[in-house]
Amino acid sequence: MSSHHLPFFNSRILPFLSLGALALASICFTPKATAAQDEKGAGITVGADADAKDIGLPLYPGSRRHKDKDEDSPGVNFGLWGGGSGFKLAVLKLESDDSPDKIADFYKKKLSQYGKVLDCSNPSPANSGKDDKSNMLTCGDDKAEKGGMVFKSGTKEKQHLVAIQPNGHGSLFQLVYLAHWDK
């Protein structure tokens, strides 16, 4: 699975993801569904929110969940699996009164538990390569919006991403976990 331009995810696509997952599940999976993501069962997880456990990163101290509009959700938790293959996407939008640099310092330390931390804000040619044969994570198509920062860590199969944007005197940021696995 290639990288995707995820920074600043729009939660209004959740209904479409849900419908697509249900249609795909009805075509691809047997009626037996389990709650666990294992090789013997199949399942779908669709949620209009995510938390630190879903993302695999702690919430920045003093941060608040962010909604662009009242009817929006601050995140999404979506997964689909069966027959030993599947994927999971969890996204959480947050805001803080702290500067983007302070939030970046916090998350660079937290991302390091998953391996080398890539700065995709201004990716170097070494970080942006697309080597499909290697399990090494690259920035790929992930890049910061103007004035923002993007950091990634993990592997191609299990990626953690933090996207940070200045917002007035504070910051908007997103935490993303993207995983996929095959038999």
Protein backbone atom coordinates (compact mmCIF):
# COMPACT_ATOMS: atom_id res chain seq x y z
CA MET A 1 0.00 0.00 0.00
CA SER A 2 1.46 3.36 -0.90
CA SER A 3 1.45 6.45 1.23
CA HIS A 4 -1.46 8.82 0.90
CA HIS A 5 -1.73 12.56 1.39
CA LEU A 6 -3.51 12.29 4.74
CA PRO A 7 -2.68 15.49 6.57
CA PHE A 8 -5.84 17.28 7.53
CA PHE A 9 -8.35 14.54 6.91
CA ASN A 10 -11.97 15.59 6.36
CA SER A 11 -14.28 13.62 8.66
CA ARG A 12 -17.25 14.15 6.33
CA ILE A 13 -16.03 11.23 4.22
CA LEU A 14 -16.72 8.77 7.07
CA PRO A 15 -20.21 7.86 5.77
CA PHE A 16 -18.74 7.03 2.35
CA LEU A 17 -15.98 4.94 3.95
CA SER A 18 -18.63 3.09 5.94
CA LEU A 19 -20.77 2.34 2.89
CA GLY A 20 -17.75 1.27 0.87
CA ALA A 21 -16.59 -1.04 3.65
CA LEU A 22 -20.01 -2.65 3.97
CA ALA A 23 -20.25 -3.19 0.23
CA LEU A 24 -16.74 -4.63 0.10
CA ALA A 25 -17.42 -6.85 3.09
CA SER A 26 -20.58 -8.26 1.55
CA ILE A 27 -18.66 -9.14 -1.61
CA CYS A 28 -15.37 -10.37 -0.13
CA PHE A 29 -16.08 -11.91 3.24
CA THR A 30 -17.97 -14.88 4.51
CA PRO A 31 -20.90 -14.28 6.86
CA LYS A 32 -18.80 -15.37 9.84
CA ALA A 33 -17.46 -12.19 11.46
CA THR A 34 -15.41 -11.90 14.62
CA ALA A 35 -14.54 -8.99 16.84
CA ALA A 36 -10.84 -9.82 16.69
CA GLN A 37 -8.55 -9.07 13.79
CA ASP A 38 -7.22 -12.57 13.16
CA GLU A 39 -6.52 -14.91 10.27
CA LYS A 40 -9.60 -17.08 10.85
CA GLY A 41 -12.28 -14.40 10.86
CA ALA A 42 -13.41 -11.27 9.16
CA GLY A 43 -14.68 -7.98 10.41
CA ILE A 44 -15.19 -4.30 10.08
CA THR A 45 -14.55 -1.50 12.54
CA VAL A 46 -16.18 1.83 11.77
CA GLY A 47 -16.19 4.58 14.35
CA ALA A 48 -16.72 8.31 14.23
CA ASP A 49 -13.88 8.87 16.69
CA ALA A 50 -10.47 7.58 17.70
CA ASP A 51 -8.42 7.79 20.87
CA ALA A 52 -4.78 7.52 21.92
CA LYS A 53 -5.00 3.72 22.09
CA ASP A 54 -6.25 3.51 18.48
CA ILE A 55 -3.45 5.79 17.27
CA GLY A 56 -0.65 4.38 19.41
CA LEU A 57 0.48 7.84 20.52
CA PRO A 58 -0.38 9.80 23.68
CA LEU A 59 -2.46 12.95 23.48
CA TYR A 60 -0.46 16.15 23.80
CA PRO A 61 -0.91 17.57 27.34
CA GLY A 62 -3.70 20.15 27.42
CA SER A 63 -4.85 19.43 23.87
CA ARG A 64 -8.51 19.44 22.91
CA ARG A 65 -10.41 17.55 20.22
CA HIS A 66 -11.01 19.75 17.18
CA LYS A 67 -14.07 19.91 14.93
CA ASP A 68 -14.16 22.04 11.81
CA LYS A 69 -17.97 22.23 12.14
CA ASP A 70 -20.36 21.16 14.90
CA GLU A 71 -21.61 18.16 12.91
CA ASP A 72 -18.06 16.92 12.24
CA SER A 73 -16.28 14.29 14.25
CA PRO A 74 -12.78 14.97 15.60
CA GLY A 75 -11.60 11.64 14.24
CA VAL A 76 -12.25 8.32 12.60
CA ASN A 77 -11.44 4.70 13.37
CA PHE A 78 -11.86 2.40 10.39
CA GLY A 79 -10.70 -1.16 9.81
CA LEU A 80 -11.48 -4.03 7.46
CA TRP A 81 -9.98 -7.52 7.65
CA GLY A 82 -10.48 -11.10 6.63
CA GLY A 83 -8.56 -14.14 5.49
CA GLY A 84 -5.31 -12.87 7.02
CA SER A 85 -5.37 -9.54 5.17
CA GLY A 86 -6.70 -6.17 6.13
CA PHE A 87 -6.10 -2.54 6.97
CA LYS A 88 -6.75 -0.03 9.72
CA LEU A 89 -6.93 3.75 9.65
CA ALA A 90 -7.30 5.86 12.78
CA VAL A 91 -7.21 9.67 12.67
CA LEU A 92 -7.67 12.16 15.49
CA LYS A 93 -7.82 15.97 15.06
CA LEU A 94 -6.65 18.05 18.01
CA GLU A 95 -5.88 21.65 18.88
CA SER A 96 -3.64 23.33 21.44
CA ASP A 97 -2.70 26.80 22.58
CA ASP A 98 0.97 25.77 22.29
CA SER A 99 3.20 26.52 19.31
CA PRO A 100 3.70 24.03 16.49
CA ASP A 101 7.40 23.70 17.45
CA LYS A 102 6.55 22.67 21.01
CA ILE A 103 4.05 20.06 19.78
CA ALA A 104 6.58 18.84 17.18
CA ASP A 105 9.24 18.33 19.88
CA PHE A 106 6.78 16.30 21.97
CA TYR A 107 5.68 14.04 19.11
CA LYS A 108 9.15 13.52 17.61
CA LYS A 109 10.14 11.94 20.96
CA LYS A 110 6.96 9.82 21.06
CA LEU A 111 7.30 8.71 17.41
CA SER A 112 10.85 7.50 18.04
CA GLN A 113 9.48 4.43 19.86
CA TYR A 114 8.44 3.14 16.41
CA GLY A 115 11.85 3.69 14.76
CA LYS A 116 13.54 6.48 12.84
CA VAL A 117 11.45 9.66 12.71
CA LEU A 118 11.16 11.15 9.24
CA ASP A 119 10.62 14.88 8.84
CA CYS A 120 8.33 15.06 5.82
CA SER A 121 7.84 18.81 6.17
CA ASN A 122 10.54 19.36 3.55
CA PRO A 123 11.47 15.80 2.59
CA SER A 124 14.97 15.09 1.35
CA PRO A 125 15.32 12.88 -1.73
CA ALA A 126 16.42 10.02 0.59
CA ASN A 127 13.18 10.29 2.64
CA SER A 128 10.80 10.72 -0.29
CA GLY A 129 11.86 7.74 -2.39
CA LYS A 130 9.35 5.06 -3.36
CA ASP A 131 11.17 1.75 -2.90
CA ASP A 132 8.41 -0.85 -3.11
CA LYS A 133 10.84 -3.70 -2.38
CA SER A 134 11.94 -2.35 1.01
CA ASN A 135 9.95 -2.31 4.24
CA MET A 136 11.63 0.99 5.10
CA LEU A 137 9.22 3.88 5.56
CA THR A 138 9.59 6.93 3.32
CA CYS A 139 7.74 10.23 3.12
CA GLY A 140 6.29 9.19 -0.22
CA ASP A 141 3.42 11.54 -1.08
CA ASP A 142 2.97 12.74 2.51
CA LYS A 143 3.99 16.36 2.85
CA ALA A 144 3.12 19.35 4.95
CA GLU A 145 0.64 21.98 3.98
CA LYS A 146 2.14 25.46 3.65
CA GLY A 147 3.60 26.53 7.00
CA GLY A 148 3.03 23.10 8.57
CA MET A 149 5.05 20.09 9.63
CA VAL A 150 4.65 16.35 9.06
CA PHE A 151 6.53 13.59 10.90
CA LYS A 152 6.32 9.82 10.32
CA SER A 153 7.69 6.73 11.96
CA GLY A 154 7.24 2.97 11.70
CA THR A 155 7.25 0.69 8.67
CA LYS A 156 5.32 0.66 5.41
CA GLU A 157 2.90 -1.79 7.05
CA LYS A 158 2.46 0.16 10.32
CA GLN A 159 2.80 3.92 10.00
CA HIS A 160 2.35 6.65 12.60
CA LEU A 161 2.04 10.20 11.29
CA VAL A 162 1.72 13.59 13.00
CA ALA A 163 0.69 16.64 10.94
CA ILE A 164 0.87 20.06 12.61
CA GLN A 165 -0.44 23.42 11.36
CA PRO A 166 -0.19 26.86 13.00
CA ASN A 167 -3.60 28.20 14.03
CA GLY A 168 -3.64 31.76 15.33
CA HIS A 169 -1.54 31.73 18.50
CA GLY A 170 -1.82 27.95 18.79
CA SER A 171 -1.84 24.83 16.65
CA LEU A 172 -4.08 22.34 14.91
CA PHE A 173 -2.69 18.84 14.58
CA GLN A 174 -3.66 15.35 13.53
CA LEU A 175 -2.46 11.98 14.74
CA VAL A 176 -2.73 9.16 12.18
CA TYR A 177 -2.18 5.42 12.39
CA LEU A 178 -2.26 3.47 9.14
CA ALA A 179 -1.67 -0.28 9.00
CA HIS A 180 -2.12 -3.00 6.42
CA TRP A 181 -1.25 -6.66 6.45
CA ASP A 182 -1.35 -9.60 4.08
CA LYS A 183 -1.26 -13.31 4.61
